[in-house]
Amino acid sequence: GTDAFSQSGLYSNHQDIAPRYSGILLGLSNTAGVLAGVFGTAATGYILQHGSWDDVFKVSVGLYLVGTVVWNLFSTGEK
């Protein structure tokens, strides 16, 4: 459904940033996403053993904010 909106931006952005290396960039970002899914599941289990869902969501919000700030500071489509 609505995931298509984010996917279209994800794949076209690599092409916009570095057309020659877009495949490598996509591979690196996809690997980071997969690792986040694997370690995120384990981290959620650990946090829930020692805390609550509130703590899980606080960590998630913090990570999203850091990612957004880093992306906005360093990403560009200019040559």
PDB file of N, CA and C in Angstrom:
ATOM      1  N   GLY A   1       0.789  -1.179   0.000  1.00  0.00           N
ATOM      2  CA  GLY A   1       0.000   0.000   0.000  1.00  0.00           C
ATOM      3  C   GLY A   1       0.841   1.256   0.000  1.00  0.00           C
ATOM      4  N   THR A   2       0.822   1.928   1.128  1.00  0.00           N
ATOM      5  CA  THR A   2       1.479   3.227   1.215  1.00  0.00           C
ATOM      6  C   THR A   2       3.001   3.122   1.290  1.00  0.00           C
ATOM      7  N   ASP A   3       3.526   1.921   1.448  1.00  0.00           N
ATOM      8  CA  ASP A   3       4.977   1.727   1.472  1.00  0.00           C
ATOM      9  C   ASP A   3       5.602   2.133   0.137  1.00  0.00           C
ATOM     10  N   ALA A   4       4.834   2.103  -0.921  1.00  0.00           N
ATOM     11  CA  ALA A   4       5.348   2.460  -2.245  1.00  0.00           C
ATOM     12  C   ALA A   4       5.835   3.907  -2.280  1.00  0.00           C
ATOM     13  N   PHE A   5       5.224   4.778  -1.484  1.00  0.00           N
ATOM     14  CA  PHE A   5       5.666   6.172  -1.456  1.00  0.00           C
ATOM     15  C   PHE A   5       7.109   6.280  -0.967  1.00  0.00           C
ATOM     16  N   SER A   6       7.444   5.558   0.093  1.00  0.00           N
ATOM     17  CA  SER A   6       8.813   5.640   0.614  1.00  0.00           C
ATOM     18  C   SER A   6       9.787   4.874  -0.265  1.00  0.00           C
ATOM     19  N   GLN A   7       9.357   3.774  -0.848  1.00  0.00           N
ATOM     20  CA  GLN A   7      10.252   2.974  -1.678  1.00  0.00           C
ATOM     21  C   GLN A   7      10.677   3.726  -2.932  1.00  0.00           C
ATOM     22  N   SER A   8       9.766   4.462  -3.528  1.00  0.00           N
ATOM     23  CA  SER A   8      10.132   5.198  -4.745  1.00  0.00           C
ATOM     24  C   SER A   8      11.177   6.267  -4.437  1.00  0.00           C
ATOM     25  N   GLY A   9      11.059   6.917  -3.307  1.00  0.00           N
ATOM     26  CA  GLY A   9      12.059   7.904  -2.912  1.00  0.00           C
ATOM     27  C   GLY A   9      13.386   7.268  -2.560  1.00  0.00           C
ATOM     28  N   LEU A  10      13.320   6.108  -1.926  1.00  0.00           N
ATOM     29  CA  LEU A  10      14.545   5.406  -1.533  1.00  0.00           C
ATOM     30  C   LEU A  10      15.380   5.046  -2.748  1.00  0.00           C
ATOM     31  N   TYR A  11      14.774   4.430  -3.735  1.00  0.00           N
ATOM     32  CA  TYR A  11      15.537   3.944  -4.878  1.00  0.00           C
ATOM     33  C   TYR A  11      15.972   5.066  -5.819  1.00  0.00           C
ATOM     34  N   SER A  12      15.170   6.075  -5.977  1.00  0.00           N
ATOM     35  CA  SER A  12      15.571   7.168  -6.867  1.00  0.00           C
ATOM     36  C   SER A  12      16.623   8.067  -6.221  1.00  0.00           C
ATOM     37  N   ASN A  13      16.662   8.113  -4.906  1.00  0.00           N
ATOM     38  CA  ASN A  13      17.626   8.975  -4.231  1.00  0.00           C
ATOM     39  C   ASN A  13      19.059   8.504  -4.442  1.00  0.00           C
ATOM     40  N   HIS A  14      19.293   7.214  -4.458  1.00  0.00           N
ATOM     41  CA  HIS A  14      20.640   6.704  -4.724  1.00  0.00           C
ATOM     42  C   HIS A  14      21.097   7.126  -6.124  1.00  0.00           C
ATOM     43  N   GLN A  15      20.201   7.055  -7.064  1.00  0.00           N
ATOM     44  CA  GLN A  15      20.512   7.444  -8.438  1.00  0.00           C
ATOM     45  C   GLN A  15      20.785   8.945  -8.521  1.00  0.00           C
ATOM     46  N   ASP A  16      20.085   9.717  -7.713  1.00  0.00           N
ATOM     47  CA  ASP A  16      20.254  11.166  -7.716  1.00  0.00           C
ATOM     48  C   ASP A  16      21.567  11.579  -7.057  1.00  0.00           C
ATOM     49  N   ILE A  17      21.937  10.925  -5.974  1.00  0.00           N
ATOM     50  CA  ILE A  17      23.148  11.289  -5.232  1.00  0.00           C
ATOM     51  C   ILE A  17      24.409  10.922  -6.004  1.00  0.00           C
ATOM     52  N   ALA A  18      24.472   9.688  -6.500  1.00  0.00           N
ATOM     53  CA  ALA A  18      25.688   9.228  -7.192  1.00  0.00           C
ATOM     54  C   ALA A  18      25.302   8.214  -8.256  1.00  0.00           C
ATOM     55  N   PRO A  19      24.947   8.676  -9.456  1.00  0.00           N
ATOM     56  CA  PRO A  19      24.479   7.759 -10.500  1.00  0.00           C
ATOM     57  C   PRO A  19      25.458   6.626 -10.799  1.00  0.00           C
ATOM     58  N   ARG A  20      26.726   6.928 -10.772  1.00  0.00           N
ATOM     59  CA  ARG A  20      27.719   5.905 -11.111  1.00  0.00           C
ATOM     60  C   ARG A  20      27.827   4.822 -10.033  1.00  0.00           C
ATOM     61  N   TYR A  21      27.580   5.183  -8.787  1.00  0.00           N
ATOM     62  CA  TYR A  21      27.735   4.251  -7.672  1.00  0.00           C
ATOM     63  C   TYR A  21      26.410   3.933  -6.984  1.00  0.00           C
ATOM     64  N   SER A  22      25.313   4.116  -7.688  1.00  0.00           N
ATOM     65  CA  SER A  22      24.011   3.914  -7.059  1.00  0.00           C
ATOM     66  C   SER A  22      23.802   2.471  -6.604  1.00  0.00           C
ATOM     67  N   GLY A  23      24.328   1.517  -7.346  1.00  0.00           N
ATOM     68  CA  GLY A  23      24.194   0.118  -6.942  1.00  0.00           C
ATOM     69  C   GLY A  23      24.922  -0.179  -5.645  1.00  0.00           C
ATOM     70  N   ILE A  24      26.116   0.366  -5.513  1.00  0.00           N
ATOM     71  CA  ILE A  24      26.890   0.177  -4.285  1.00  0.00           C
ATOM     72  C   ILE A  24      26.194   0.863  -3.110  1.00  0.00           C
ATOM     73  N   LEU A  25      25.713   2.083  -3.337  1.00  0.00           N
ATOM     74  CA  LEU A  25      25.006   2.799  -2.275  1.00  0.00           C
ATOM     75  C   LEU A  25      23.753   2.057  -1.844  1.00  0.00           C
ATOM     76  N   LEU A  26      23.005   1.532  -2.803  1.00  0.00           N
ATOM     77  CA  LEU A  26      21.798   0.788  -2.464  1.00  0.00           C
ATOM     78  C   LEU A  26      22.149  -0.466  -1.678  1.00  0.00           C
ATOM     79  N   GLY A  27      23.213  -1.152  -2.078  1.00  0.00           N
ATOM     80  CA  GLY A  27      23.639  -2.339  -1.344  1.00  0.00           C
ATOM     81  C   GLY A  27      24.030  -2.022   0.088  1.00  0.00           C
ATOM     82  N   LEU A  28      24.767  -0.930   0.279  1.00  0.00           N
ATOM     83  CA  LEU A  28      25.172  -0.543   1.632  1.00  0.00           C
ATOM     84  C   LEU A  28      23.977  -0.136   2.487  1.00  0.00           C
ATOM     85  N   SER A  29      23.075   0.650   1.921  1.00  0.00           N
ATOM     86  CA  SER A  29      21.921   1.085   2.707  1.00  0.00           C
ATOM     87  C   SER A  29      20.973  -0.073   2.991  1.00  0.00           C
ATOM     88  N   ASN A  30      20.842  -0.997   2.046  1.00  0.00           N
ATOM     89  CA  ASN A  30      20.002  -2.161   2.282  1.00  0.00           C
ATOM     90  C   ASN A  30      20.606  -3.050   3.368  1.00  0.00           C
ATOM     91  N   THR A  31      21.926  -3.217   3.346  1.00  0.00           N
ATOM     92  CA  THR A  31      22.599  -3.997   4.385  1.00  0.00           C
ATOM     93  C   THR A  31      22.389  -3.365   5.753  1.00  0.00           C
ATOM     94  N   ALA A  32      22.518  -2.053   5.835  1.00  0.00           N
ATOM     95  CA  ALA A  32      22.291  -1.360   7.103  1.00  0.00           C
ATOM     96  C   ALA A  32      20.860  -1.562   7.587  1.00  0.00           C
ATOM     97  N   GLY A  33      19.904  -1.544   6.661  1.00  0.00           N
ATOM     98  CA  GLY A  33      18.514  -1.759   7.035  1.00  0.00           C
ATOM     99  C   GLY A  33      18.252  -3.164   7.536  1.00  0.00           C
ATOM    100  N   VAL A  34      18.874  -4.150   6.896  1.00  0.00           N
ATOM    101  CA  VAL A  34      18.703  -5.538   7.324  1.00  0.00           C
ATOM    102  C   VAL A  34      19.340  -5.749   8.696  1.00  0.00           C
ATOM    103  N   LEU A  35      20.538  -5.210   8.887  1.00  0.00           N
ATOM    104  CA  LEU A  35      21.201  -5.347  10.187  1.00  0.00           C
ATOM    105  C   LEU A  35      20.398  -4.668  11.293  1.00  0.00           C
ATOM    106  N   ALA A  36      19.807  -3.526  10.974  1.00  0.00           N
ATOM    107  CA  ALA A  36      18.962  -2.849  11.957  1.00  0.00           C
ATOM    108  C   ALA A  36      17.770  -3.718  12.337  1.00  0.00           C
ATOM    109  N   GLY A  37      17.199  -4.422  11.367  1.00  0.00           N
ATOM    110  CA  GLY A  37      16.084  -5.314  11.664  1.00  0.00           C
ATOM    111  C   GLY A  37      16.492  -6.489  12.533  1.00  0.00           C
ATOM    112  N   VAL A  38      17.651  -7.056  12.262  1.00  0.00           N
ATOM    113  CA  VAL A  38      18.133  -8.202  13.040  1.00  0.00           C
ATOM    114  C   VAL A  38      18.480  -7.774  14.463  1.00  0.00           C
ATOM    115  N   PHE A  39      19.314  -6.744  14.587  1.00  0.00           N
ATOM    116  CA  PHE A  39      19.736  -6.312  15.917  1.00  0.00           C
ATOM    117  C   PHE A  39      18.612  -5.606  16.673  1.00  0.00           C
ATOM    118  N   GLY A  40      17.710  -4.968  15.939  1.00  0.00           N
ATOM    119  CA  GLY A  40      16.577  -4.309  16.583  1.00  0.00           C
ATOM    120  C   GLY A  40      15.653  -5.286  17.276  1.00  0.00           C
ATOM    121  N   THR A  41      15.456  -6.450  16.670  1.00  0.00           N
ATOM    122  CA  THR A  41      14.621  -7.476  17.286  1.00  0.00           C
ATOM    123  C   THR A  41      15.260  -7.982  18.577  1.00  0.00           C
ATOM    124  N   ALA A  42      16.559  -8.243  18.531  1.00  0.00           N
ATOM    125  CA  ALA A  42      17.269  -8.699  19.729  1.00  0.00           C
ATOM    126  C   ALA A  42      17.279  -7.617  20.811  1.00  0.00           C
ATOM    127  N   ALA A  43      17.502  -6.373  20.403  1.00  0.00           N
ATOM    128  CA  ALA A  43      17.531  -5.272  21.371  1.00  0.00           C
ATOM    129  C   ALA A  43      16.165  -5.063  22.013  1.00  0.00           C
ATOM    130  N   THR A  44      15.106  -5.225  21.234  1.00  0.00           N
ATOM    131  CA  THR A  44      13.758  -5.089  21.785  1.00  0.00           C
ATOM    132  C   THR A  44      13.511  -6.139  22.855  1.00  0.00           C
ATOM    133  N   GLY A  45      13.916  -7.376  22.586  1.00  0.00           N
ATOM    134  CA  GLY A  45      13.768  -8.431  23.588  1.00  0.00           C
ATOM    135  C   GLY A  45      14.538  -8.116  24.857  1.00  0.00           C
ATOM    136  N   TYR A  46      15.752  -7.626  24.703  1.00  0.00           N
ATOM    137  CA  TYR A  46      16.576  -7.276  25.866  1.00  0.00           C
ATOM    138  C   TYR A  46      15.942  -6.138  26.664  1.00  0.00           C
ATOM    139  N   ILE A  47      15.491  -5.105  25.960  1.00  0.00           N
ATOM    140  CA  ILE A  47      14.880  -3.959  26.641  1.00  0.00           C
ATOM    141  C   ILE A  47      13.616  -4.385  27.373  1.00  0.00           C
ATOM    142  N   LEU A  48      12.816  -5.249  26.755  1.00  0.00           N
ATOM    143  CA  LEU A  48      11.577  -5.682  27.397  1.00  0.00           C
ATOM    144  C   LEU A  48      11.835  -6.552  28.624  1.00  0.00           C
ATOM    145  N   GLN A  49      12.949  -7.279  28.639  1.00  0.00           N
ATOM    146  CA  GLN A  49      13.285  -8.067  29.831  1.00  0.00           C
ATOM    147  C   GLN A  49      13.645  -7.167  31.007  1.00  0.00           C
ATOM    148  N   HIS A  50      14.195  -6.000  30.716  1.00  0.00           N
ATOM    149  CA  HIS A  50      14.658  -5.107  31.773  1.00  0.00           C
ATOM    150  C   HIS A  50      13.839  -3.822  31.886  1.00  0.00           C
ATOM    151  N   GLY A  51      12.861  -3.643  31.039  1.00  0.00           N
ATOM    152  CA  GLY A  51      12.087  -2.405  31.044  1.00  0.00           C
ATOM    153  C   GLY A  51      10.690  -2.628  30.507  1.00  0.00           C
ATOM    154  N   SER A  52      10.209  -1.655  29.733  1.00  0.00           N
ATOM    155  CA  SER A  52       8.847  -1.727  29.203  1.00  0.00           C
ATOM    156  C   SER A  52       8.833  -1.255  27.749  1.00  0.00           C
ATOM    157  N   TRP A  53       7.636  -1.308  27.158  1.00  0.00           N
ATOM    158  CA  TRP A  53       7.485  -0.847  25.780  1.00  0.00           C
ATOM    159  C   TRP A  53       7.798   0.634  25.657  1.00  0.00           C
ATOM    160  N   ASP A  54       7.554   1.369  26.715  1.00  0.00           N
ATOM    161  CA  ASP A  54       7.868   2.795  26.704  1.00  0.00           C
ATOM    162  C   ASP A  54       9.350   3.017  26.412  1.00  0.00           C
ATOM    163  N   ASP A  55      10.201   2.199  27.007  1.00  0.00           N
ATOM    164  CA  ASP A  55      11.643   2.306  26.762  1.00  0.00           C
ATOM    165  C   ASP A  55      11.994   1.957  25.315  1.00  0.00           C
ATOM    166  N   VAL A  56      11.315   0.960  24.762  1.00  0.00           N
ATOM    167  CA  VAL A  56      11.554   0.566  23.366  1.00  0.00           C
ATOM    168  C   VAL A  56      11.230   1.728  22.436  1.00  0.00           C
ATOM    169  N   PHE A  57      10.098   2.375  22.671  1.00  0.00           N
ATOM    170  CA  PHE A  57       9.701   3.483  21.807  1.00  0.00           C
ATOM    171  C   PHE A  57      10.613   4.697  21.977  1.00  0.00           C
ATOM    172  N   LYS A  58      11.125   4.918  23.173  1.00  0.00           N
ATOM    173  CA  LYS A  58      12.071   6.023  23.379  1.00  0.00           C
ATOM    174  C   LYS A  58      13.345   5.795  22.568  1.00  0.00           C
ATOM    175  N   VAL A  59      13.843   4.578  22.571  1.00  0.00           N
ATOM    176  CA  VAL A  59      15.036   4.255  21.780  1.00  0.00           C
ATOM    177  C   VAL A  59      14.740   4.442  20.295  1.00  0.00           C
ATOM    178  N   SER A  60      13.571   3.976  19.847  1.00  0.00           N
ATOM    179  CA  SER A  60      13.195   4.108  18.434  1.00  0.00           C
ATOM    180  C   SER A  60      13.119   5.566  18.004  1.00  0.00           C
ATOM    181  N   VAL A  61      12.490   6.385  18.812  1.00  0.00           N
ATOM    182  CA  VAL A  61      12.376   7.808  18.488  1.00  0.00           C
ATOM    183  C   VAL A  61      13.758   8.449  18.425  1.00  0.00           C
ATOM    184  N   GLY A  62      14.620   8.113  19.368  1.00  0.00           N
ATOM    185  CA  GLY A  62      15.973   8.660  19.370  1.00  0.00           C
ATOM    186  C   GLY A  62      16.743   8.291  18.114  1.00  0.00           C
ATOM    187  N   LEU A  63      16.646   7.028  17.705  1.00  0.00           N
ATOM    188  CA  LEU A  63      17.347   6.584  16.502  1.00  0.00           C
ATOM    189  C   LEU A  63      16.801   7.257  15.248  1.00  0.00           C
ATOM    190  N   TYR A  64      15.485   7.402  15.163  1.00  0.00           N
ATOM    191  CA  TYR A  64      14.893   8.084  14.012  1.00  0.00           C
ATOM    192  C   TYR A  64      15.340   9.544  13.946  1.00  0.00           C
ATOM    193  N   LEU A  65      15.384  10.210  15.088  1.00  0.00           N
ATOM    194  CA  LEU A  65      15.804  11.614  15.096  1.00  0.00           C
ATOM    195  C   LEU A  65      17.264  11.766  14.683  1.00  0.00           C
ATOM    196  N   VAL A  66      18.127  10.908  15.197  1.00  0.00           N
ATOM    197  CA  VAL A  66      19.544  10.964  14.819  1.00  0.00           C
ATOM    198  C   VAL A  66      19.700  10.711  13.322  1.00  0.00           C
ATOM    199  N   GLY A  67      19.010   9.698  12.812  1.00  0.00           N
ATOM    200  CA  GLY A  67      19.079   9.397  11.383  1.00  0.00           C
ATOM    201  C   GLY A  67      18.589  10.542  10.519  1.00  0.00           C
ATOM    202  N   THR A  68      17.519  11.176  10.936  1.00  0.00           N
ATOM    203  CA  THR A  68      16.971  12.301  10.180  1.00  0.00           C
ATOM    204  C   THR A  68      17.940  13.481  10.166  1.00  0.00           C
ATOM    205  N   VAL A  69      18.525  13.783  11.301  1.00  0.00           N
ATOM    206  CA  VAL A  69      19.467  14.904  11.376  1.00  0.00           C
ATOM    207  C   VAL A  69      20.702  14.629  10.516  1.00  0.00           C
ATOM    208  N   VAL A  70      21.260  13.432  10.623  1.00  0.00           N
ATOM    209  CA  VAL A  70      22.447  13.086   9.830  1.00  0.00           C
ATOM    210  C   VAL A  70      22.123  13.152   8.346  1.00  0.00           C
ATOM    211  N   TRP A  71      20.979  12.599   7.954  1.00  0.00           N
ATOM    212  CA  TRP A  71      20.593  12.609   6.544  1.00  0.00           C
ATOM    213  C   TRP A  71      20.443  14.036   6.029  1.00  0.00           C
ATOM    214  N   ASN A  72      19.767  14.870   6.791  1.00  0.00           N
ATOM    215  CA  ASN A  72      19.544  16.248   6.348  1.00  0.00           C
ATOM    216  C   ASN A  72      20.828  17.072   6.309  1.00  0.00           C
ATOM    217  N   LEU A  73      21.791  16.735   7.143  1.00  0.00           N
ATOM    218  CA  LEU A  73      23.053  17.467   7.136  1.00  0.00           C
ATOM    219  C   LEU A  73      23.965  17.072   5.981  1.00  0.00           C
ATOM    220  N   PHE A  74      23.975  15.797   5.619  1.00  0.00           N
ATOM    221  CA  PHE A  74      24.995  15.314   4.695  1.00  0.00           C
ATOM    222  C   PHE A  74      24.498  14.882   3.317  1.00  0.00           C
ATOM    223  N   SER A  75      23.212  14.711   3.117  1.00  0.00           N
ATOM    224  CA  SER A  75      22.751  14.256   1.799  1.00  0.00           C
ATOM    225  C   SER A  75      22.545  15.448   0.870  1.00  0.00           C
ATOM    226  N   THR A  76      22.895  15.236  -0.381  1.00  0.00           N
ATOM    227  CA  THR A  76      22.706  16.285  -1.378  1.00  0.00           C
ATOM    228  C   THR A  76      22.660  15.651  -2.763  1.00  0.00           C
ATOM    229  N   GLY A  77      21.979  16.295  -3.650  1.00  0.00           N
ATOM    230  CA  GLY A  77      21.937  15.835  -5.026  1.00  0.00           C
ATOM    231  C   GLY A  77      22.770  16.716  -5.942  1.00  0.00           C
ATOM    232  N   GLU A  78      23.443  17.697  -5.361  1.00  0.00           N
ATOM    233  CA  GLU A  78      24.257  18.618  -6.153  1.00  0.00           C
ATOM    234  C   GLU A  78      25.577  17.982  -6.531  1.00  0.00           C
ATOM    235  N   LYS A  79      26.065  18.360  -7.706  1.00  0.00           N
ATOM    236  CA  LYS A  79      27.339  17.800  -8.177  1.00  0.00           C
ATOM    237  C   LYS A  79      28.475  18.722  -7.840  1.00  0.00           C
TER     238      LYS A  79
END
